Amino acid sequence: MLELSGIVRRFEQGGTVLDVLRGVELTVRPGELVALVGPSGAGKSTLLHIAGLLERPTAGTVKIAGEDVVGFDDGRRTEVRRRSIGFVYQFHHLLPEFTARENIVLPQMIAGVPKRVARQRADELLHMVGLDQRGSHRPARLSGGEQQRVAIARALANAPSLLIADEPTGNLDPHTAEHVFAMLTAIVRQASVGALVATHNLELAQRMDRVMEMRDGQLVEHR
């Protein structure tokens, strides 16, 4: 689902050169959860942005579902993002004026899916995350865990091949975080989505298939 090869990200400011990523190599397979750990400032967010086509590498190759996308212009990168990548963040970023169902319908309609089909898909996803009875509720009426489950459903709305999650349980209490993580794991397995998950929670990280650590601008397997 994701293949990063020789990824370099270099920043230049005031004559100073900073190599944040130094030849990163990473593969994420279908149905696999890969944890990304490391201290703040180690380059995790930069790597997620490059994997999610939000930022271009200075050098290296990015393949999404087997497609080399590094040379794509902004329009084609946006198209691949919309079609193949789902994002989940620490804060849910749901649109407050829309219901849970509408928050899942909207990205599908933006991608050109007919409203009737989008609503059916939204209802299927709400069922998958255990929120069948909450679809008509706006985010303010949902708990933190429910909001994050809707955010995960929204990320899966267009059936992406790759899910990128940045601290998806970081804003939740331990019990709710456990529930959300279990649900996320089940969905990744069921849908054969590849998932790259940045987290500071080493206990959760060690329950994923692999744990990769950012260290000196490179990825090493955490043991």
C-alpha atoms as a PDB file:
ATOM      1  CA  MET A   1       0.000   0.000   0.000  1.00  0.00           C
ATOM      2  CA  LEU A   2       2.934   2.315   0.725  1.00  0.00           C
ATOM      3  CA  GLU A   3       6.546   2.115  -0.347  1.00  0.00           C
ATOM      4  CA  LEU A   4       9.074   4.789   0.573  1.00  0.00           C
ATOM      5  CA  SER A   5      12.567   4.447  -0.832  1.00  0.00           C
ATOM      6  CA  GLY A   6      15.576   6.684  -0.188  1.00  0.00           C
ATOM      7  CA  ILE A   7      13.439   9.502   1.231  1.00  0.00           C
ATOM      8  CA  VAL A   8      15.432  12.638   1.976  1.00  0.00           C
ATOM      9  CA  ARG A   9      13.909  15.858   3.296  1.00  0.00           C
ATOM     10  CA  ARG A  10      16.239  18.808   3.552  1.00  0.00           C
ATOM     11  CA  PHE A  11      15.413  22.288   4.805  1.00  0.00           C
ATOM     12  CA  GLU A  12      17.581  25.346   4.159  1.00  0.00           C
ATOM     13  CA  GLN A  13      17.277  28.507   6.207  1.00  0.00           C
ATOM     14  CA  GLY A  14      19.704  31.379   6.521  1.00  0.00           C
ATOM     15  CA  GLY A  15      22.562  29.411   5.041  1.00  0.00           C
ATOM     16  CA  THR A  16      21.969  26.488   7.380  1.00  0.00           C
ATOM     17  CA  VAL A  17      21.044  23.072   5.965  1.00  0.00           C
ATOM     18  CA  LEU A  18      19.004  20.682   8.099  1.00  0.00           C
ATOM     19  CA  ASP A  19      18.520  17.092   6.956  1.00  0.00           C
ATOM     20  CA  VAL A  20      15.373  15.934   8.758  1.00  0.00           C
ATOM     21  CA  LEU A  21      15.049  12.668   6.826  1.00  0.00           C
ATOM     22  CA  ARG A  22      18.164  10.875   5.594  1.00  0.00           C
ATOM     23  CA  GLY A  23      17.308   8.043   3.233  1.00  0.00           C
ATOM     24  CA  VAL A  24      14.185   6.610   4.870  1.00  0.00           C
ATOM     25  CA  GLU A  25      13.016   3.179   3.698  1.00  0.00           C
ATOM     26  CA  LEU A  26       9.555   1.854   4.588  1.00  0.00           C
ATOM     27  CA  THR A  27       6.971  -0.552   3.211  1.00  0.00           C
ATOM     28  CA  VAL A  28       3.416  -0.946   4.554  1.00  0.00           C
ATOM     29  CA  ARG A  29       1.491  -3.972   3.321  1.00  0.00           C
ATOM     30  CA  PRO A  30      -2.290  -4.537   3.017  1.00  0.00           C
ATOM     31  CA  GLY A  31      -3.958  -5.222   6.372  1.00  0.00           C
ATOM     32  CA  GLU A  32      -0.793  -4.239   8.273  1.00  0.00           C
ATOM     33  CA  LEU A  33      -0.482  -1.704  11.095  1.00  0.00           C
ATOM     34  CA  VAL A  34       2.933  -0.088  11.350  1.00  0.00           C
ATOM     35  CA  ALA A  35       3.628   2.089  14.380  1.00  0.00           C
ATOM     36  CA  LEU A  36       5.837   5.150  13.983  1.00  0.00           C
ATOM     37  CA  VAL A  37       7.509   6.270  17.213  1.00  0.00           C
ATOM     38  CA  GLY A  38      10.205   8.711  18.240  1.00  0.00           C
ATOM     39  CA  PRO A  39      10.667  11.914  20.242  1.00  0.00           C
ATOM     40  CA  SER A  40       9.065  15.199  19.242  1.00  0.00           C
ATOM     41  CA  GLY A  41      11.105  16.879  16.515  1.00  0.00           C
ATOM     42  CA  ALA A  42      12.508  13.589  15.197  1.00  0.00           C
ATOM     43  CA  GLY A  43      10.736  13.964  11.836  1.00  0.00           C
ATOM     44  CA  LYS A  44       7.628  11.805  12.301  1.00  0.00           C
ATOM     45  CA  SER A  45       5.222  14.495  11.085  1.00  0.00           C
ATOM     46  CA  THR A  46       7.437  15.273   8.089  1.00  0.00           C
ATOM     47  CA  LEU A  47       7.451  11.593   7.164  1.00  0.00           C
ATOM     48  CA  LEU A  48       3.650  11.365   7.506  1.00  0.00           C
ATOM     49  CA  HIS A  49       3.231  14.457   5.317  1.00  0.00           C
ATOM     50  CA  ILE A  50       5.428  12.927   2.615  1.00  0.00           C
ATOM     51  CA  ALA A  51       3.653   9.553   2.815  1.00  0.00           C
ATOM     52  CA  GLY A  52       0.302  11.364   2.613  1.00  0.00           C
ATOM     53  CA  LEU A  53       1.410  13.481  -0.395  1.00  0.00           C
ATOM     54  CA  LEU A  54       1.025  16.690   1.611  1.00  0.00           C
ATOM     55  CA  GLU A  55       4.712  17.485   1.188  1.00  0.00           C
ATOM     56  CA  ARG A  56       7.321  16.573  -1.423  1.00  0.00           C
ATOM     57  CA  PRO A  57      10.612  14.882  -0.510  1.00  0.00           C
ATOM     58  CA  THR A  58      13.909  16.457  -1.478  1.00  0.00           C
ATOM     59  CA  ALA A  59      14.868  13.085  -2.947  1.00  0.00           C
ATOM     60  CA  GLY A  60      13.517   9.555  -3.020  1.00  0.00           C
ATOM     61  CA  THR A  61      10.538   7.582  -4.287  1.00  0.00           C
ATOM     62  CA  VAL A  62       6.973   7.405  -2.959  1.00  0.00           C
ATOM     63  CA  LYS A  63       4.676   4.660  -4.220  1.00  0.00           C
ATOM     64  CA  ILE A  64       1.006   4.467  -3.253  1.00  0.00           C
ATOM     65  CA  ALA A  65      -0.659   1.141  -4.106  1.00  0.00           C
ATOM     66  CA  GLY A  66       2.209   0.457  -6.493  1.00  0.00           C
ATOM     67  CA  GLU A  67       1.985   3.820  -8.272  1.00  0.00           C
ATOM     68  CA  ASP A  68       5.075   6.075  -8.270  1.00  0.00           C
ATOM     69  CA  VAL A  69       3.666   9.504  -7.429  1.00  0.00           C
ATOM     70  CA  VAL A  70       6.760  11.651  -6.829  1.00  0.00           C
ATOM     71  CA  GLY A  71       6.650  13.278 -10.259  1.00  0.00           C
ATOM     72  CA  PHE A  72       2.919  14.007 -10.205  1.00  0.00           C
ATOM     73  CA  ASP A  73       1.761  17.612 -10.389  1.00  0.00           C
ATOM     74  CA  ASP A  74      -0.428  19.045  -7.611  1.00  0.00           C
ATOM     75  CA  GLY A  75      -3.669  18.123  -9.359  1.00  0.00           C
ATOM     76  CA  ARG A  76      -2.736  14.471  -9.757  1.00  0.00           C
ATOM     77  CA  ARG A  77      -1.374  14.305  -6.188  1.00  0.00           C
ATOM     78  CA  THR A  78      -4.702  15.637  -4.925  1.00  0.00           C
ATOM     79  CA  GLU A  79      -6.527  13.020  -6.974  1.00  0.00           C
ATOM     80  CA  VAL A  80      -4.407  10.196  -5.512  1.00  0.00           C
ATOM     81  CA  ARG A  81      -4.885  11.564  -1.984  1.00  0.00           C
ATOM     82  CA  ARG A  82      -8.640  11.693  -2.432  1.00  0.00           C
ATOM     83  CA  ARG A  83      -8.817   8.220  -3.970  1.00  0.00           C
ATOM     84  CA  SER A  84      -6.207   6.251  -2.059  1.00  0.00           C
ATOM     85  CA  ILE A  85      -5.372   7.866   1.303  1.00  0.00           C
ATOM     86  CA  GLY A  86      -7.400   8.373   4.470  1.00  0.00           C
ATOM     87  CA  PHE A  87      -6.212  10.626   7.316  1.00  0.00           C
ATOM     88  CA  VAL A  88      -6.953  10.480  11.054  1.00  0.00           C
ATOM     89  CA  TYR A  89      -5.540  13.099  13.424  1.00  0.00           C
ATOM     90  CA  GLN A  90      -5.300  13.513  17.198  1.00  0.00           C
ATOM     91  CA  PHE A  91      -8.201  15.958  17.067  1.00  0.00           C
ATOM     92  CA  HIS A  92     -11.171  14.769  15.052  1.00  0.00           C
ATOM     93  CA  HIS A  93     -11.640  17.951  12.929  1.00  0.00           C
ATOM     94  CA  LEU A  94     -15.274  17.052  12.229  1.00  0.00           C
ATOM     95  CA  LEU A  95     -17.383  19.829  10.723  1.00  0.00           C
ATOM     96  CA  PRO A  96     -19.506  20.989  13.696  1.00  0.00           C
ATOM     97  CA  GLU A  97     -22.508  22.156  11.672  1.00  0.00           C
ATOM     98  CA  PHE A  98     -23.002  18.737  10.054  1.00  0.00           C
ATOM     99  CA  THR A  99     -24.196  15.446  11.531  1.00  0.00           C
ATOM    100  CA  ALA A 100     -21.967  12.403  11.926  1.00  0.00           C
ATOM    101  CA  ARG A 101     -23.509  10.885   8.795  1.00  0.00           C
ATOM    102  CA  GLU A 102     -23.070  14.101   6.794  1.00  0.00           C
ATOM    103  CA  ASN A 103     -19.407  14.310   7.832  1.00  0.00           C
ATOM    104  CA  ILE A 104     -18.907  10.908   6.202  1.00  0.00           C
ATOM    105  CA  VAL A 105     -21.059  11.697   3.160  1.00  0.00           C
ATOM    106  CA  LEU A 106     -19.293  14.966   2.250  1.00  0.00           C
ATOM    107  CA  PRO A 107     -15.854  13.590   1.224  1.00  0.00           C
ATOM    108  CA  GLN A 108     -17.594  11.054  -0.983  1.00  0.00           C
ATOM    109  CA  MET A 109     -19.663  13.705  -2.746  1.00  0.00           C
ATOM    110  CA  ILE A 110     -16.519  15.787  -3.270  1.00  0.00           C
ATOM    111  CA  ALA A 111     -15.068  12.698  -4.977  1.00  0.00           C
ATOM    112  CA  GLY A 112     -18.121  12.550  -7.249  1.00  0.00           C
ATOM    113  CA  VAL A 113     -20.100   9.784  -5.528  1.00  0.00           C
ATOM    114  CA  PRO A 114     -23.910  10.171  -5.887  1.00  0.00           C
ATOM    115  CA  LYS A 115     -25.576  11.289  -2.651  1.00  0.00           C
ATOM    116  CA  ARG A 116     -27.706   8.146  -2.313  1.00  0.00           C
ATOM    117  CA  VAL A 117     -24.672   5.883  -2.635  1.00  0.00           C
ATOM    118  CA  ALA A 118     -22.674   8.099  -0.269  1.00  0.00           C
ATOM    119  CA  ARG A 119     -25.378   7.909   2.392  1.00  0.00           C
ATOM    120  CA  GLN A 120     -25.501   4.130   2.104  1.00  0.00           C
ATOM    121  CA  ARG A 121     -21.721   3.923   2.482  1.00  0.00           C
ATOM    122  CA  ALA A 122     -21.884   6.301   5.479  1.00  0.00           C
ATOM    123  CA  ASP A 123     -24.467   4.100   7.183  1.00  0.00           C
ATOM    124  CA  GLU A 124     -22.317   1.008   6.584  1.00  0.00           C
ATOM    125  CA  LEU A 125     -19.308   2.751   8.133  1.00  0.00           C
ATOM    126  CA  LEU A 126     -21.320   4.019  11.117  1.00  0.00           C
ATOM    127  CA  HIS A 127     -22.395   0.430  11.711  1.00  0.00           C
ATOM    128  CA  MET A 128     -18.788  -0.724  11.407  1.00  0.00           C
ATOM    129  CA  VAL A 129     -17.662   1.713  14.136  1.00  0.00           C
ATOM    130  CA  GLY A 130     -20.650   0.942  16.353  1.00  0.00           C
ATOM    131  CA  LEU A 131     -22.502   4.235  15.927  1.00  0.00           C
ATOM    132  CA  ASP A 132     -25.637   3.168  14.067  1.00  0.00           C
ATOM    133  CA  GLN A 133     -27.850   5.199  16.387  1.00  0.00           C
ATOM    134  CA  ARG A 134     -25.698   8.339  16.383  1.00  0.00           C
ATOM    135  CA  GLY A 135     -25.646   9.223  12.688  1.00  0.00           C
ATOM    136  CA  SER A 136     -28.091  12.118  13.049  1.00  0.00           C
ATOM    137  CA  HIS A 137     -26.140  13.714  15.921  1.00  0.00           C
ATOM    138  CA  ARG A 138     -23.785  16.630  15.451  1.00  0.00           C
ATOM    139  CA  PRO A 139     -20.235  16.341  16.881  1.00  0.00           C
ATOM    140  CA  ALA A 140     -21.058  18.448  19.965  1.00  0.00           C
ATOM    141  CA  ARG A 141     -23.510  15.749  21.082  1.00  0.00           C
ATOM    142  CA  LEU A 142     -20.935  12.964  20.766  1.00  0.00           C
ATOM    143  CA  SER A 143     -18.327  11.887  23.313  1.00  0.00           C
ATOM    144  CA  GLY A 144     -14.631  12.214  22.509  1.00  0.00           C
ATOM    145  CA  GLY A 145     -14.383   8.542  21.632  1.00  0.00           C
ATOM    146  CA  GLU A 146     -17.479   8.717  19.440  1.00  0.00           C
ATOM    147  CA  GLN A 147     -16.113  11.764  17.628  1.00  0.00           C
ATOM    148  CA  GLN A 148     -12.864   9.944  16.895  1.00  0.00           C
ATOM    149  CA  ARG A 149     -14.743   6.881  15.649  1.00  0.00           C
ATOM    150  CA  VAL A 150     -16.668   9.111  13.246  1.00  0.00           C
ATOM    151  CA  ALA A 151     -13.333  10.608  12.133  1.00  0.00           C
ATOM    152  CA  ILE A 152     -12.028   7.103  11.391  1.00  0.00           C
ATOM    153  CA  ALA A 153     -15.212   6.286   9.456  1.00  0.00           C
ATOM    154  CA  ARG A 154     -14.783   9.514   7.480  1.00  0.00           C
ATOM    155  CA  ALA A 155     -11.165   8.591   6.678  1.00  0.00           C
ATOM    156  CA  LEU A 156     -12.435   5.304   5.223  1.00  0.00           C
ATOM    157  CA  ALA A 157     -15.318   6.888   3.300  1.00  0.00           C
ATOM    158  CA  ASN A 158     -13.674   6.653  -0.125  1.00  0.00           C
ATOM    159  CA  ALA A 159     -12.271   3.131   0.507  1.00  0.00           C
ATOM    160  CA  PRO A 160      -8.599   4.174   0.614  1.00  0.00           C
ATOM    161  CA  SER A 161      -5.776   1.673   0.304  1.00  0.00           C
ATOM    162  CA  LEU A 162      -3.653   3.550   2.865  1.00  0.00           C
ATOM    163  CA  LEU A 163      -4.614   5.018   6.242  1.00  0.00           C
ATOM    164  CA  ILE A 164      -2.323   7.577   7.865  1.00  0.00           C
ATOM    165  CA  ALA A 165      -3.000   8.291  11.528  1.00  0.00           C
ATOM    166  CA  ASP A 166      -1.210  10.914  13.635  1.00  0.00           C
ATOM    167  CA  GLU A 167      -1.748  10.222  17.360  1.00  0.00           C
ATOM    168  CA  PRO A 168      -5.294   8.910  16.760  1.00  0.00           C
ATOM    169  CA  THR A 169      -5.794   8.100  20.470  1.00  0.00           C
ATOM    170  CA  GLY A 170      -3.634  10.879  21.914  1.00  0.00           C
ATOM    171  CA  ASN A 171      -6.578  13.027  22.994  1.00  0.00           C
ATOM    172  CA  LEU A 172      -8.524  10.197  24.683  1.00  0.00           C
ATOM    173  CA  ASP A 173      -8.548   8.679  28.158  1.00  0.00           C
ATOM    174  CA  PRO A 174      -6.913   5.215  28.438  1.00  0.00           C
ATOM    175  CA  HIS A 175     -10.181   3.235  28.413  1.00  0.00           C
ATOM    176  CA  THR A 176     -11.557   5.098  25.379  1.00  0.00           C
ATOM    177  CA  ALA A 177      -8.174   4.948  23.636  1.00  0.00           C
ATOM    178  CA  GLU A 178      -8.174   1.167  24.050  1.00  0.00           C
ATOM    179  CA  HIS A 179     -11.649   0.874  22.545  1.00  0.00           C
ATOM    180  CA  VAL A 180     -10.813   3.124  19.584  1.00  0.00           C
ATOM    181  CA  PHE A 181      -7.530   1.299  18.919  1.00  0.00           C
ATOM    182  CA  ALA A 182      -9.259  -2.110  18.959  1.00  0.00           C
ATOM    183  CA  MET A 183     -11.844  -0.835  16.498  1.00  0.00           C
ATOM    184  CA  LEU A 184      -9.174   0.687  14.248  1.00  0.00           C
ATOM    185  CA  THR A 185      -7.236  -2.575  14.225  1.00  0.00           C
ATOM    186  CA  ALA A 186     -10.324  -4.601  13.322  1.00  0.00           C
ATOM    187  CA  ILE A 187     -11.201  -2.270  10.445  1.00  0.00           C
ATOM    188  CA  VAL A 188      -7.656  -2.321   9.032  1.00  0.00           C
ATOM    189  CA  ARG A 189      -7.692  -6.122   9.042  1.00  0.00           C
ATOM    190  CA  GLN A 190     -11.202  -6.387   7.609  1.00  0.00           C
ATOM    191  CA  ALA A 191     -10.689  -3.854   4.825  1.00  0.00           C
ATOM    192  CA  SER A 192      -7.052  -4.880   4.074  1.00  0.00           C
ATOM    193  CA  VAL A 193      -5.978  -1.266   4.435  1.00  0.00           C
ATOM    194  CA  GLY A 194      -2.326  -0.485   5.104  1.00  0.00           C
ATOM    195  CA  ALA A 195      -1.987   1.754   8.178  1.00  0.00           C
ATOM    196  CA  LEU A 196       0.903   3.952   9.288  1.00  0.00           C
ATOM    197  CA  VAL A 197       0.217   5.168  12.821  1.00  0.00           C
ATOM    198  CA  ALA A 198       2.344   7.742  14.653  1.00  0.00           C
ATOM    199  CA  THR A 199       2.002   7.453  18.416  1.00  0.00           C
ATOM    200  CA  HIS A 200       3.755   8.248  21.683  1.00  0.00           C
ATOM    201  CA  ASN A 201       1.931   5.341  23.349  1.00  0.00           C
ATOM    202  CA  LEU A 202       4.524   2.558  23.291  1.00  0.00           C
ATOM    203  CA  GLU A 203       2.088   0.062  24.814  1.00  0.00           C
ATOM    204  CA  LEU A 204      -0.284   0.500  21.875  1.00  0.00           C
ATOM    205  CA  ALA A 205       2.612   0.649  19.405  1.00  0.00           C
ATOM    206  CA  GLN A 206       3.945  -2.732  20.514  1.00  0.00           C
ATOM    207  CA  ARG A 207       0.574  -4.324  19.745  1.00  0.00           C
ATOM    208  CA  MET A 208       0.862  -3.366  16.090  1.00  0.00           C
ATOM    209  CA  ASP A 209       2.562  -5.558  13.488  1.00  0.00           C
ATOM    210  CA  ARG A 210       5.799  -3.583  13.484  1.00  0.00           C
ATOM    211  CA  VAL A 211       7.214  -0.643  15.399  1.00  0.00           C
ATOM    212  CA  MET A 212       9.509   1.699  13.471  1.00  0.00           C
ATOM    213  CA  GLU A 213      11.466   4.396  15.289  1.00  0.00           C
ATOM    214  CA  MET A 214      12.706   7.692  13.854  1.00  0.00           C
ATOM    215  CA  ARG A 215      16.358   7.974  14.856  1.00  0.00           C
ATOM    216  CA  ASP A 216      18.880  10.408  13.400  1.00  0.00           C
ATOM    217  CA  GLY A 217      16.709  10.978  10.344  1.00  0.00           C
ATOM    218  CA  GLN A 218      16.285   7.303   9.541  1.00  0.00           C
ATOM    219  CA  LEU A 219      13.815   4.545  10.407  1.00  0.00           C
ATOM    220  CA  VAL A 220      15.009   1.605  12.470  1.00  0.00           C
ATOM    221  CA  GLU A 221      12.972  -1.293  13.806  1.00  0.00           C
ATOM    222  CA  HIS A 222      12.172  -0.694  17.466  1.00  0.00           C
ATOM    223  CA  ARG A 223      12.918  -3.617  19.785  1.00  0.00           C
END
